[in-house]
Every structure is written in C-alpha cells, then in structure tokens.
C-alpha atoms as a PDB file:
ATOM      1  CA  UNK A   1      97.555  73.077 124.098  1.00  0.00           C
ATOM      2  CA  UNK A   2      96.607  74.732 127.403  1.00  0.00           C
ATOM      3  CA  UNK A   3      96.384  71.397 129.220  1.00  0.00           C
ATOM      4  CA  UNK A   4      99.992  70.656 128.292  1.00  0.00           C
ATOM      5  CA  UNK A   5     101.123  74.100 129.380  1.00  0.00           C
ATOM      6  CA  UNK A   6      99.504  73.736 132.806  1.00  0.00           C
ATOM      7  CA  UNK A   7     102.163  74.561 135.375  1.00  0.00           C
ATOM      8  CA  UNK A   8     103.967  76.880 132.928  1.00  0.00           C
ATOM      9  CA  UNK A   9     101.482  79.760 133.123  1.00  0.00           C
ATOM     10  CA  UNK A  10     104.320  82.213 133.492  1.00  0.00           C
ATOM     11  CA  UNK A  11     105.691  81.187 130.111  1.00  0.00           C
ATOM     12  CA  UNK A  12     102.433  80.914 128.195  1.00  0.00           C
ATOM     13  CA  UNK A  13     102.703  84.455 126.854  1.00  0.00           C
ATOM     14  CA  UNK A  14     106.301  83.833 125.846  1.00  0.00           C
ATOM     15  CA  UNK A  15     105.188  80.720 123.955  1.00  0.00           C
ATOM     16  CA  UNK A  16     102.542  82.647 122.060  1.00  0.00           C
ATOM     17  CA  UNK A  17     104.951  85.390 121.108  1.00  0.00           C
ATOM     18  CA  UNK A  18     107.921  83.176 120.306  1.00  0.00           C
ATOM     19  CA  UNK A  19     107.056  79.698 119.084  1.00  0.00           C
ATOM     20  CA  UNK A  20     110.731  78.818 118.778  1.00  0.00           C
ATOM     21  CA  UNK A  21     110.898  78.602 122.577  1.00  0.00           C
ATOM     22  CA  UNK A  22     108.127  76.028 122.924  1.00  0.00           C
ATOM     23  CA  UNK A  23     110.231  72.872 122.901  1.00  0.00           C
ATOM     24  CA  UNK A  24     112.549  74.377 125.546  1.00  0.00           C
ATOM     25  CA  UNK A  25     109.751  74.666 128.114  1.00  0.00           C
ATOM     26  CA  UNK A  26     109.822  72.314 131.096  1.00  0.00           C
ATOM     27  CA  UNK A  27     107.211  69.591 131.234  1.00  0.00           C
ATOM     28  CA  UNK A  28     106.695  69.962 134.977  1.00  0.00           C
ATOM     29  CA  UNK A  29     104.275  67.035 135.225  1.00  0.00           C
ATOM     30  CA  UNK A  30     107.070  64.751 134.058  1.00  0.00           C
ATOM     31  CA  UNK A  31     110.342  63.300 135.314  1.00  0.00           C
ATOM     32  CA  UNK A  32     113.696  62.898 133.620  1.00  0.00           C
ATOM     33  CA  UNK A  33     113.064  59.140 133.717  1.00  0.00           C
ATOM     34  CA  UNK A  34     110.210  59.731 131.257  1.00  0.00           C
ATOM     35  CA  UNK A  35     112.866  59.933 128.523  1.00  0.00           C
ATOM     36  CA  UNK A  36     114.287  56.819 126.853  1.00  0.00           C
ATOM     37  CA  UNK A  37     117.904  57.241 127.941  1.00  0.00           C
ATOM     38  CA  UNK A  38     118.997  53.933 126.403  1.00  0.00           C
ATOM     39  CA  UNK A  39     117.867  55.144 122.981  1.00  0.00           C
ATOM     40  CA  UNK A  40     119.418  58.581 123.528  1.00  0.00           C
ATOM     41  CA  UNK A  41     122.796  57.086 124.492  1.00  0.00           C
ATOM     42  CA  UNK A  42     122.828  54.653 121.561  1.00  0.00           C
ATOM     43  CA  UNK A  43     121.900  57.395 119.119  1.00  0.00           C
ATOM     44  CA  UNK A  44     124.681  59.716 120.288  1.00  0.00           C
ATOM     45  CA  UNK A  45     127.167  56.844 120.279  1.00  0.00           C
ATOM     46  CA  UNK A  46     126.707  56.742 116.506  1.00  0.00           C
ATOM     47  CA  UNK A  47     128.525  60.063 116.317  1.00  0.00           C
ATOM     48  CA  UNK A  48     130.985  59.253 119.094  1.00  0.00           C
ATOM     49  CA  UNK A  49     129.300  61.461 121.652  1.00  0.00           C
ATOM     50  CA  UNK A  50     128.623  60.566 125.248  1.00  0.00           C
ATOM     51  CA  UNK A  51     125.438  61.787 126.895  1.00  0.00           C
ATOM     52  CA  UNK A  52     125.493  62.861 130.542  1.00  0.00           C
ATOM     53  CA  UNK A  53     122.847  64.711 132.523  1.00  0.00           C
ATOM     54  CA  UNK A  54     124.989  67.826 132.147  1.00  0.00           C
ATOM     55  CA  UNK A  55     125.238  67.883 128.363  1.00  0.00           C
ATOM     56  CA  UNK A  56     121.663  66.603 128.066  1.00  0.00           C
ATOM     57  CA  UNK A  57     120.738  69.844 129.780  1.00  0.00           C
ATOM     58  CA  UNK A  58     122.955  71.930 127.507  1.00  0.00           C
ATOM     59  CA  UNK A  59     121.301  70.341 124.467  1.00  0.00           C
ATOM     60  CA  UNK A  60     117.904  71.010 126.022  1.00  0.00           C
ATOM     61  CA  UNK A  61     116.527  67.521 126.551  1.00  0.00           C
ATOM     62  CA  UNK A  62     116.109  68.380 130.224  1.00  0.00           C
ATOM     63  CA  UNK A  63     115.948  71.661 132.120  1.00  0.00           C
ATOM     64  CA  UNK A  64     116.246  72.745 135.698  1.00  0.00           C
ATOM     65  CA  UNK A  65     113.762  74.761 137.725  1.00  0.00           C
ATOM     66  CA  UNK A  66     114.943  75.455 141.232  1.00  0.00           C
ATOM     67  CA  UNK A  67     116.539  72.264 142.512  1.00  0.00           C
ATOM     68  CA  UNK A  68     114.474  69.961 140.298  1.00  0.00           C
ATOM     69  CA  UNK A  69     115.170  68.702 136.799  1.00  0.00           C
ATOM     70  CA  UNK A  70     112.393  68.134 134.298  1.00  0.00           C
ATOM     71  CA  UNK A  71     112.230  66.899 130.717  1.00  0.00           C
ATOM     72  CA  UNK A  72     111.564  69.619 128.178  1.00  0.00           C
ATOM     73  CA  UNK A  73     108.775  69.399 125.633  1.00  0.00           C
ATOM     74  CA  UNK A  74     111.488  68.888 123.029  1.00  0.00           C
ATOM     75  CA  UNK A  75     112.893  65.979 125.012  1.00  0.00           C
ATOM     76  CA  UNK A  76     109.420  64.438 125.284  1.00  0.00           C
ATOM     77  CA  UNK A  77     108.661  64.955 121.571  1.00  0.00           C
ATOM     78  CA  UNK A  78     111.942  63.301 120.574  1.00  0.00           C
ATOM     79  CA  UNK A  79     112.423  60.589 123.183  1.00  0.00           C
ATOM     80  CA  UNK A  80     109.434  60.526 125.548  1.00  0.00           C
ATOM     81  CA  UNK A  81     108.451  56.998 126.547  1.00  0.00           C
ATOM     82  CA  UNK A  82     104.812  58.103 126.542  1.00  0.00           C
ATOM     83  CA  UNK A  83     105.214  60.927 124.042  1.00  0.00           C
ATOM     84  CA  UNK A  84     102.116  59.994 122.024  1.00  0.00           C
ATOM     85  CA  UNK A  85      99.901  60.723 125.011  1.00  0.00           C
ATOM     86  CA  UNK A  86     101.080  64.351 124.947  1.00  0.00           C
ATOM     87  CA  UNK A  87     101.990  64.725 121.289  1.00  0.00           C
ATOM     88  CA  UNK A  88     100.017  62.180 119.207  1.00  0.00           C
ATOM     89  CA  UNK A  89     100.796  64.242 116.096  1.00  0.00           C
ATOM     90  CA  UNK A  90     104.577  63.756 116.476  1.00  0.00           C
ATOM     91  CA  UNK A  91     104.686  61.111 113.733  1.00  0.00           C
ATOM     92  CA  UNK A  92     105.376  61.093 109.994  1.00  0.00           C
ATOM     93  CA  UNK A  93     102.527  60.026 107.701  1.00  0.00           C
ATOM     94  CA  UNK A  94     103.651  58.677 104.342  1.00  0.00           C
ATOM     95  CA  UNK A  95     101.576  57.772 101.299  1.00  0.00           C
ATOM     96  CA  UNK A  96     102.246  56.760  97.695  1.00  0.00           C
ATOM     97  CA  UNK A  97      99.476  57.798  95.324  1.00  0.00           C
ATOM     98  CA  UNK A  98      98.740  56.664  91.797  1.00  0.00           C
ATOM     99  CA  UNK A  99      99.063  59.440  89.242  1.00  0.00           C
ATOM    100  CA  UNK A 100      99.233  63.097  90.213  1.00  0.00           C
ATOM    101  CA  UNK A 101      96.323  63.335  92.669  1.00  0.00           C
ATOM    102  CA  UNK A 102      95.176  61.690  95.911  1.00  0.00           C
ATOM    103  CA  UNK A 103      92.326  59.597  94.529  1.00  0.00           C
ATOM    104  CA  UNK A 104      94.104  56.239  94.741  1.00  0.00           C
ATOM    105  CA  UNK A 105      96.566  55.141  97.439  1.00  0.00           C
ATOM    106  CA  UNK A 106      99.098  52.466  96.493  1.00  0.00           C
ATOM    107  CA  UNK A 107     101.035  52.357  99.767  1.00  0.00           C
ATOM    108  CA  UNK A 108     100.947  54.123 103.113  1.00  0.00           C
ATOM    109  CA  UNK A 109     102.631  54.066 106.512  1.00  0.00           C
ATOM    110  CA  UNK A 110     102.466  55.967 109.772  1.00  0.00           C
ATOM    111  CA  UNK A 111     106.008  56.152 111.160  1.00  0.00           C
ATOM    112  CA  UNK A 112     105.518  56.393 114.915  1.00  0.00           C
ATOM    113  CA  UNK A 113     109.013  55.628 116.228  1.00  0.00           C
ATOM    114  CA  UNK A 114     111.251  58.311 117.780  1.00  0.00           C
ATOM    115  CA  UNK A 115     111.637  61.153 115.287  1.00  0.00           C
ATOM    116  CA  UNK A 116     115.449  60.869 114.966  1.00  0.00           C
ATOM    117  CA  UNK A 117     114.924  57.241 113.910  1.00  0.00           C
ATOM    118  CA  UNK A 118     111.816  58.070 111.868  1.00  0.00           C
ATOM    119  CA  UNK A 119     113.980  60.108 109.484  1.00  0.00           C
ATOM    120  CA  UNK A 120     115.657  56.980 108.099  1.00  0.00           C
ATOM    121  CA  UNK A 121     112.364  55.075 107.889  1.00  0.00           C
ATOM    122  CA  UNK A 122     110.780  57.943 105.961  1.00  0.00           C
ATOM    123  CA  UNK A 123     113.677  57.928 103.482  1.00  0.00           C
ATOM    124  CA  UNK A 124     113.285  54.159 103.040  1.00  0.00           C
ATOM    125  CA  UNK A 125     109.560  54.559 102.363  1.00  0.00           C
ATOM    126  CA  UNK A 126     110.287  57.066  99.606  1.00  0.00           C
ATOM    127  CA  UNK A 127     113.011  54.898  98.103  1.00  0.00           C
ATOM    128  CA  UNK A 128     110.815  51.814  97.862  1.00  0.00           C
ATOM    129  CA  UNK A 129     108.029  53.852  96.275  1.00  0.00           C
ATOM    130  CA  UNK A 130     110.120  55.654  93.661  1.00  0.00           C
ATOM    131  CA  UNK A 131     112.167  54.367  90.772  1.00  0.00           C
ATOM    132  CA  UNK A 132     115.844  53.502  90.615  1.00  0.00           C
ATOM    133  CA  UNK A 133     117.935  53.807  87.464  1.00  0.00           C
ATOM    134  CA  UNK A 134     121.474  52.728  86.736  1.00  0.00           C
ATOM    135  CA  UNK A 135     124.451  54.475  85.186  1.00  0.00           C
ATOM    136  CA  UNK A 136     127.130  52.226  83.680  1.00  0.00           C
ATOM    137  CA  UNK A 137     130.664  53.561  83.328  1.00  0.00           C
ATOM    138  CA  UNK A 138     133.139  50.947  82.173  1.00  0.00           C
ATOM    139  CA  UNK A 139     132.764  48.018  84.548  1.00  0.00           C
ATOM    140  CA  UNK A 140     131.139  50.124  87.272  1.00  0.00           C
ATOM    141  CA  UNK A 141     127.404  50.344  87.874  1.00  0.00           C
ATOM    142  CA  UNK A 142     125.991  53.269  89.851  1.00  0.00           C
ATOM    143  CA  UNK A 143     122.392  53.185  91.088  1.00  0.00           C
ATOM    144  CA  UNK A 144     120.642  56.533  90.848  1.00  0.00           C
ATOM    145  CA  UNK A 145     117.503  57.258  92.853  1.00  0.00           C
ATOM    146  CA  UNK A 146     114.666  59.161  91.222  1.00  0.00           C
ATOM    147  CA  UNK A 147     115.069  62.023  93.702  1.00  0.00           C
ATOM    148  CA  UNK A 148     118.441  63.288  95.027  1.00  0.00           C
ATOM    149  CA  UNK A 149     118.941  61.626  98.404  1.00  0.00           C
ATOM    150  CA  UNK A 150     120.536  64.710  99.955  1.00  0.00           C
ATOM    151  CA  UNK A 151     117.629  66.925  98.864  1.00  0.00           C
ATOM    152  CA  UNK A 152     115.108  64.394 100.171  1.00  0.00           C
ATOM    153  CA  UNK A 153     116.805  64.108 103.575  1.00  0.00           C
ATOM    154  CA  UNK A 154     117.137  67.881 103.878  1.00  0.00           C
ATOM    155  CA  UNK A 155     113.436  68.356 103.155  1.00  0.00           C
ATOM    156  CA  UNK A 156     112.407  65.764 105.764  1.00  0.00           C
ATOM    157  CA  UNK A 157     114.822  67.171 108.367  1.00  0.00           C
ATOM    158  CA  UNK A 158     113.442  70.639 107.656  1.00  0.00           C
ATOM    159  CA  UNK A 159     109.905  69.373 108.288  1.00  0.00           C
ATOM    160  CA  UNK A 160     110.836  67.690 111.591  1.00  0.00           C
ATOM    161  CA  UNK A 161     112.861  70.628 112.915  1.00  0.00           C
ATOM    162  CA  UNK A 162     110.359  73.326 111.949  1.00  0.00           C
ATOM    163  CA  UNK A 163     107.062  71.558 112.655  1.00  0.00           C
ATOM    164  CA  UNK A 164     104.663  73.151 115.147  1.00  0.00           C
ATOM    165  CA  UNK A 165     104.008  70.258 117.521  1.00  0.00           C
ATOM    166  CA  UNK A 166     101.446  72.263 119.487  1.00  0.00           C
ATOM    167  CA  UNK A 167      98.962  72.047 116.603  1.00  0.00           C
ATOM    168  CA  UNK A 168      96.300  69.376 116.944  1.00  0.00           C
ATOM    169  CA  UNK A 169      95.196  67.030 114.186  1.00  0.00           C
ATOM    170  CA  UNK A 170      98.004  67.991 111.780  1.00  0.00           C
ATOM    171  CA  UNK A 171     100.978  65.749 111.020  1.00  0.00           C
ATOM    172  CA  UNK A 172     104.221  65.849 109.115  1.00  0.00           C
ATOM    173  CA  UNK A 173     103.283  64.216 105.832  1.00  0.00           C
ATOM    174  CA  UNK A 174     105.127  62.841 102.821  1.00  0.00           C
ATOM    175  CA  UNK A 175     102.938  62.445  99.733  1.00  0.00           C
ATOM    176  CA  UNK A 176     104.508  60.715  96.731  1.00  0.00           C
ATOM    177  CA  UNK A 177     102.957  61.158  93.297  1.00  0.00           C
ATOM    178  CA  UNK A 178     104.098  60.042  89.853  1.00  0.00           C
ATOM    179  CA  UNK A 179     105.748  63.387  89.155  1.00  0.00           C
ATOM    180  CA  UNK A 180     106.578  64.865  92.567  1.00  0.00           C
ATOM    181  CA  UNK A 181     106.948  64.491  96.332  1.00  0.00           C
ATOM    182  CA  UNK A 182     105.235  66.875  98.746  1.00  0.00           C
ATOM    183  CA  UNK A 183     106.753  67.103 102.239  1.00  0.00           C
ATOM    184  CA  UNK A 184     104.507  69.146 104.522  1.00  0.00           C
ATOM    185  CA  UNK A 185     104.810  70.108 108.169  1.00  0.00           C
ATOM    186  CA  UNK A 186     102.325  71.826 110.496  1.00  0.00           C
ATOM    187  CA  UNK A 187     103.182  75.453 111.203  1.00  0.00           C
ATOM    188  CA  UNK A 188     103.971  78.207 108.739  1.00  0.00           C
ATOM    189  CA  UNK A 189     107.060  80.368 108.822  1.00  0.00           C
ATOM    190  CA  UNK A 190     107.731  82.258 112.093  1.00  0.00           C
ATOM    191  CA  UNK A 191     106.183  85.712 112.316  1.00  0.00           C
ATOM    192  CA  UNK A 192     108.089  88.250 110.238  1.00  0.00           C
ATOM    193  CA  UNK A 193     110.110  85.573 108.444  1.00  0.00           C
ATOM    194  CA  UNK A 194     109.745  85.004 104.693  1.00  0.00           C
ATOM    195  CA  UNK A 195     110.614  82.309 102.167  1.00  0.00           C
ATOM    196  CA  UNK A 196     112.890  84.838 100.464  1.00  0.00           C
ATOM    197  CA  UNK A 197     114.883  85.250 103.682  1.00  0.00           C
ATOM    198  CA  UNK A 198     115.093  81.498 104.152  1.00  0.00           C
ATOM    199  CA  UNK A 199     116.379  80.990 100.594  1.00  0.00           C
ATOM    200  CA  UNK A 200     118.934  83.736 101.182  1.00  0.00           C
ATOM    201  CA  UNK A 201     120.394  81.740 104.061  1.00  0.00           C
ATOM    202  CA  UNK A 202     118.703  83.344 107.054  1.00  0.00           C
ATOM    203  CA  UNK A 203     117.437  81.022 109.766  1.00  0.00           C
ATOM    204  CA  UNK A 204     114.826  81.252 112.493  1.00  0.00           C
ATOM    205  CA  UNK A 205     114.356  77.911 114.203  1.00  0.00           C
ATOM    206  CA  UNK A 206     111.039  77.054 115.809  1.00  0.00           C
ATOM    207  CA  UNK A 207     112.330  74.075 117.829  1.00  0.00           C
ATOM    208  CA  UNK A 208     115.786  74.739 119.258  1.00  0.00           C
ATOM    209  CA  UNK A 209     116.021  71.459 121.187  1.00  0.00           C
ATOM    210  CA  UNK A 210     115.086  69.339 118.181  1.00  0.00           C
ATOM    211  CA  UNK A 211     117.444  71.344 115.974  1.00  0.00           C
ATOM    212  CA  UNK A 212     120.336  70.880 118.433  1.00  0.00           C
ATOM    213  CA  UNK A 213     119.831  67.108 118.529  1.00  0.00           C
ATOM    214  CA  UNK A 214     119.744  66.893 114.736  1.00  0.00           C
ATOM    215  CA  UNK A 215     122.806  69.133 114.541  1.00  0.00           C
ATOM    216  CA  UNK A 216     124.756  66.841 116.887  1.00  0.00           C
ATOM    217  CA  UNK A 217     123.615  63.883 114.771  1.00  0.00           C
ATOM    218  CA  UNK A 218     125.200  65.714 111.800  1.00  0.00           C
ATOM    219  CA  UNK A 219     121.884  65.845 109.949  1.00  0.00           C
ATOM    220  CA  UNK A 220     122.116  69.638 109.944  1.00  0.00           C
ATOM    221  CA  UNK A 221     125.401  70.970 108.631  1.00  0.00           C
ATOM    222  CA  UNK A 222     124.899  74.707 108.918  1.00  0.00           C
ATOM    223  CA  UNK A 223     121.971  76.826 110.106  1.00  0.00           C
ATOM    224  CA  UNK A 224     119.947  78.237 107.240  1.00  0.00           C
ATOM    225  CA  UNK A 225     121.566  76.168 104.483  1.00  0.00           C
ATOM    226  CA  UNK A 226     118.906  73.457 104.058  1.00  0.00           C
ATOM    227  CA  UNK A 227     116.629  75.004 101.422  1.00  0.00           C
ATOM    228  CA  UNK A 228     119.604  76.219  99.399  1.00  0.00           C
ATOM    229  CA  UNK A 229     121.098  72.713  99.438  1.00  0.00           C
ATOM    230  CA  UNK A 230     117.798  71.238  98.252  1.00  0.00           C
ATOM    231  CA  UNK A 231     117.757  73.604  95.283  1.00  0.00           C
ATOM    232  CA  UNK A 232     121.412  72.911  94.473  1.00  0.00           C
ATOM    233  CA  UNK A 233     120.982  69.116  94.487  1.00  0.00           C
ATOM    234  CA  UNK A 234     117.906  69.252  92.246  1.00  0.00           C
ATOM    235  CA  UNK A 235     119.613  71.647  89.815  1.00  0.00           C
ATOM    236  CA  UNK A 236     122.632  69.350  89.525  1.00  0.00           C
ATOM    237  CA  UNK A 237     120.318  66.504  88.536  1.00  0.00           C
ATOM    238  CA  UNK A 238     118.545  68.642  85.963  1.00  0.00           C
ATOM    239  CA  UNK A 239     115.237  68.476  87.821  1.00  0.00           C
ATOM    240  CA  UNK A 240     112.590  71.165  87.954  1.00  0.00           C
ATOM    241  CA  UNK A 241     113.157  73.832  90.607  1.00  0.00           C
ATOM    242  CA  UNK A 242     111.680  72.771  93.990  1.00  0.00           C
ATOM    243  CA  UNK A 243     108.714  74.721  95.319  1.00  0.00           C
ATOM    244  CA  UNK A 244     108.556  76.199  98.824  1.00  0.00           C
ATOM    245  CA  UNK A 245     105.200  77.499 100.020  1.00  0.00           C
ATOM    246  CA  UNK A 246     102.989  78.262 103.007  1.00  0.00           C
ATOM    247  CA  UNK A 247      99.539  76.677 102.926  1.00  0.00           C
ATOM    248  CA  UNK A 248      96.923  77.111 105.667  1.00  0.00           C
ATOM    249  CA  UNK A 249      99.462  77.498 108.467  1.00  0.00           C
ATOM    250  CA  UNK A 250     101.602  74.698 107.067  1.00  0.00           C
ATOM    251  CA  UNK A 251     104.881  74.701 105.179  1.00  0.00           C
ATOM    252  CA  UNK A 252     105.481  72.516 102.136  1.00  0.00           C
ATOM    253  CA  UNK A 253     108.508  71.531 100.103  1.00  0.00           C
ATOM    254  CA  UNK A 254     107.735  70.004  96.702  1.00  0.00           C
ATOM    255  CA  UNK A 255     110.421  68.027  94.875  1.00  0.00           C
ATOM    256  CA  UNK A 256     109.846  67.238  91.199  1.00  0.00           C
ATOM    257  CA  UNK A 257     110.970  64.103  89.393  1.00  0.00           C
ATOM    258  CA  UNK A 258     111.429  63.459  85.714  1.00  0.00           C
ATOM    259  CA  UNK A 259     108.361  64.106  83.602  1.00  0.00           C
ATOM    260  CA  UNK A 260     106.324  60.937  83.117  1.00  0.00           C
ATOM    261  CA  UNK A 261     103.419  60.012  80.944  1.00  0.00           C
ATOM    262  CA  UNK A 262     100.170  60.496  82.820  1.00  0.00           C
ATOM    263  CA  UNK A 263      98.287  57.268  83.480  1.00  0.00           C
ATOM    264  CA  UNK A 264      94.560  57.333  82.718  1.00  0.00           C
ATOM    265  CA  UNK A 265      92.854  54.405  84.428  1.00  0.00           C
ATOM    266  CA  UNK A 266      90.109  52.400  82.809  1.00  0.00           C
ATOM    267  CA  UNK A 267      87.161  51.068  84.805  1.00  0.00           C
ATOM    268  CA  UNK A 268      88.584  47.537  85.071  1.00  0.00           C
ATOM    269  CA  UNK A 269      91.911  48.893  86.339  1.00  0.00           C
ATOM    270  CA  UNK A 270      90.196  50.949  89.048  1.00  0.00           C
ATOM    271  CA  UNK A 271      88.165  47.875  89.998  1.00  0.00           C
ATOM    272  CA  UNK A 272      91.313  45.791  90.490  1.00  0.00           C
ATOM    273  CA  UNK A 273      93.079  48.495  92.499  1.00  0.00           C
ATOM    274  CA  UNK A 274      90.064  48.805  94.804  1.00  0.00           C
ATOM    275  CA  UNK A 275      90.106  45.014  95.259  1.00  0.00           C
ATOM    276  CA  UNK A 276      93.835  44.914  96.051  1.00  0.00           C
ATOM    277  CA  UNK A 277      93.548  47.714  98.582  1.00  0.00           C
ATOM    278  CA  UNK A 278      91.185  45.469 100.548  1.00  0.00           C
ATOM    279  CA  UNK A 279      92.533  41.972  99.822  1.00  0.00           C
ATOM    280  CA  UNK A 280      96.200  42.853  99.123  1.00  0.00           C
ATOM    281  CA  UNK A 281      96.684  40.134  96.495  1.00  0.00           C
ATOM    282  CA  UNK A 282      94.850  38.414  93.654  1.00  0.00           C
ATOM    283  CA  UNK A 283      95.407  35.386  91.414  1.00  0.00           C
ATOM    284  CA  UNK A 284      94.734  35.214  87.689  1.00  0.00           C
ATOM    285  CA  UNK A 285      91.653  33.056  88.357  1.00  0.00           C
ATOM    286  CA  UNK A 286      90.318  35.532  90.922  1.00  0.00           C
ATOM    287  CA  UNK A 287      90.962  38.438  88.540  1.00  0.00           C
ATOM    288  CA  UNK A 288      88.999  36.651  85.813  1.00  0.00           C
ATOM    289  CA  UNK A 289      86.050  36.252  88.180  1.00  0.00           C
ATOM    290  CA  UNK A 290      86.333  39.881  89.325  1.00  0.00           C
ATOM    291  CA  UNK A 291      86.248  41.178  85.746  1.00  0.00           C
ATOM    292  CA  UNK A 292      83.920  38.455  84.411  1.00  0.00           C
ATOM    293  CA  UNK A 293      86.361  37.616  81.609  1.00  0.00           C
ATOM    294  CA  UNK A 294      88.319  34.559  80.518  1.00  0.00           C
ATOM    295  CA  UNK A 295      91.528  33.581  82.287  1.00  0.00           C
ATOM    296  CA  UNK A 296      93.458  34.454  79.128  1.00  0.00           C
ATOM    297  CA  UNK A 297      92.017  37.983  79.038  1.00  0.00           C
ATOM    298  CA  UNK A 298      92.665  38.408  82.765  1.00  0.00           C
ATOM    299  CA  UNK A 299      96.274  37.324  82.327  1.00  0.00           C
ATOM    300  CA  UNK A 300      96.722  39.789  79.447  1.00  0.00           C
ATOM    301  CA  UNK A 301      95.298  42.629  81.515  1.00  0.00           C
ATOM    302  CA  UNK A 302      97.536  41.808  84.474  1.00  0.00           C
ATOM    303  CA  UNK A 303     100.608  41.832  82.232  1.00  0.00           C
ATOM    304  CA  UNK A 304      99.631  45.308  81.021  1.00  0.00           C
ATOM    305  CA  UNK A 305      99.377  46.475  84.634  1.00  0.00           C
ATOM    306  CA  UNK A 306     102.832  45.054  85.370  1.00  0.00           C
ATOM    307  CA  UNK A 307     104.260  46.922  82.355  1.00  0.00           C
ATOM    308  CA  UNK A 308     102.584  50.122  83.590  1.00  0.00           C
ATOM    309  CA  UNK A 309     104.220  49.686  87.000  1.00  0.00           C
ATOM    310  CA  UNK A 310     100.885  49.463  88.824  1.00  0.00           C
ATOM    311  CA  UNK A 311     101.098  45.861  90.016  1.00  0.00           C
ATOM    312  CA  UNK A 312     103.848  43.352  90.658  1.00  0.00           C
ATOM    313  CA  UNK A 313     103.883  39.559  90.509  1.00  0.00           C
ATOM    314  CA  UNK A 314     104.859  37.222  93.344  1.00  0.00           C
ATOM    315  CA  UNK A 315     105.921  33.600  93.003  1.00  0.00           C
ATOM    316  CA  UNK A 316     108.923  31.384  92.452  1.00  0.00           C
ATOM    317  CA  UNK A 317     108.947  31.980  88.678  1.00  0.00           C
ATOM    318  CA  UNK A 318     107.050  33.775  85.935  1.00  0.00           C
ATOM    319  CA  UNK A 319     105.071  30.615  85.207  1.00  0.00           C
ATOM    320  CA  UNK A 320     104.379  29.705  88.829  1.00  0.00           C
ATOM    321  CA  UNK A 321     100.661  28.643  88.882  1.00  0.00           C
ATOM    322  CA  UNK A 322     100.386  29.764  92.509  1.00  0.00           C
ATOM    323  CA  UNK A 323     101.666  33.290  91.907  1.00  0.00           C
ATOM    324  CA  UNK A 324      99.659  36.353  92.867  1.00  0.00           C
ATOM    325  CA  UNK A 325      99.529  40.001  91.882  1.00  0.00           C
ATOM    326  CA  UNK A 326      99.979  42.861  94.347  1.00  0.00           C
ATOM    327  CA  UNK A 327     100.017  46.653  94.210  1.00  0.00           C
ATOM    328  CA  UNK A 328     103.519  48.031  93.801  1.00  0.00           C
ATOM    329  CA  UNK A 329     104.852  49.102  97.194  1.00  0.00           C
ATOM    330  CA  UNK A 330     102.534  46.815  99.170  1.00  0.00           C
END
C-alpha cells in the first residue's frame, strides 16, 4: 500500500494506528475530476439530495490541503473513474455452490461497478440463486425470499463499509450454499473492538467516507445497529442464529436458510455438471452421447436433475425438440 500512500508520508503512521482514517486521506496524485460526478449527482438525487463541492467535502469525497482540493481514497474507492488501477480489490465476488462446500460452482459473478450500485446487483445475484416461496392469505399472494431481504442487505452493507481496501488480493465475497450464505470482507475488527461490543450496539467504523455516503443513501439507519438487525430479522423468520466471526484478518457474516436434504452426487451427475460449466448447455442427444446411454435413459436422468433443482430446461415448451438443459442460475 506504500505506493498509494506516496505523498502522504506524514499520515502513514496515523493510517497504521487508526485504519478508520484511511479512506479520509487525500489522494494527492489525483484531481477532483477523477471522480464520476454524474454518477454521484444521480445517486444523491434518489434521496432528494443535491451534491455541491462544499457538501462533497463535508461527506469526505474530496478534501482540501492548502489551496488545493483532492479526491480522498474513499471518494476514489466509491466513484473513481480509474479506481480499479488503485483498488482492484474494490469489487464484490459472488458464487453459488452446489451443496454445502466449494467443490462445484453453479453460478458466479464479479460485480465491478461502483460499490453503491454494486449493493443492488449483489442482492439480485443472491435472489436469483436462492429459492422463493409463496404465502397465500385469502386472495393475496406474498412472495417470500429464502433469506430475509433486510438481513441480507445489512450484511452486504456491513461488508462494504467495514472492508479493509488496503489489503491486496482479498475481496468482498458472497458465497451461497444450499444451507447458508457467507458474506466475507477483508479486514478483521478494529484493534480493541470485539464481536460482543458490536452485538451490544457499539460501533467503530473503519471507512468513515464510505459509511457517510451509505448513511445519506439511507442504507445505514443508525450506527452500530446492523448486526442486531440481522439477528432480529432471522429470528422473526425462525431461522438459525446468524454467525459472526473473524477469520485470518477477515470478517464473516453467515446467514442460515431452512434445513435442506443434502445432495450426494453420482458420477454421471458430476460429469454433466463439469460439461455444463464449460459448454453452458446440453441437449438430450448430447447428454446421451456424454453418458454413453440411450436417449430415453438420458431424458430420465435429466428429469431427475430438474426435480433436484440442479438443472433447468430451456425451450418454447416441455416437448420442444430443440430445448436444452442448463445449470440453475446460469
């Protein structure tokens, strides 16, 4: 990180002692025009706020040193036009795995857009890779997501706001399994801070600029309330208590879904999944050739995989001769 801190030697010690100040530092090699002001203005318009250079400075997107104004590291991380040159890890990596381990990937995406916009894309990725049930009351149907939406959003916001963007080679990640979702961010808890304190409502923010932007976007309601809200939402749905833990200088929130029957894959199922990961789709005829079985047997196997929720069928109808089979989520 020293090459990024060049020109801020006087604040290097402060950064090491107080990581929460990092995103407030001036990026003195940059200019205020390095920020995407069109995106910033549009984003704040959503909450009826107008951005000027003055309040951009109060939020911390820019800072002044002497008579010059510079973007802050927080401003660059959030809205830098060339942010990936300085902070290539400032993305969200999402993956949907089969079963309860990471042996087989069903779907994946690297969300590389501005982090305030990446929040919604990350939520959409989870929603399309988890189940949806319905509750019927009278003539009203209510769709219910597998995981409480509020808890999911809080966990992702927590990861973005508290991530240590100075760490190299580590990303915010969302790993979806059959029975849980793991949302992990680089950087453990600040020195002297504990999970017990966080759950009690105390707050020590690592990235003040990022937190301020998310607060103005109304994605943070009250400092220190996020983890408690996650627990409350999961309890109301009757789900297992979420887990909060530090792992190798990272912080992870694990949300648990309803208990599901564990899927044990047979050799022919693993063979098909490996094929679809490379080719993306397969026809009944191609599956028969892959397995060296009759078309009837191949069709029967594919139906079983559809029932198990592993593959889906494309085509204009169930009997469409040109239909193909794809991995769910692809």
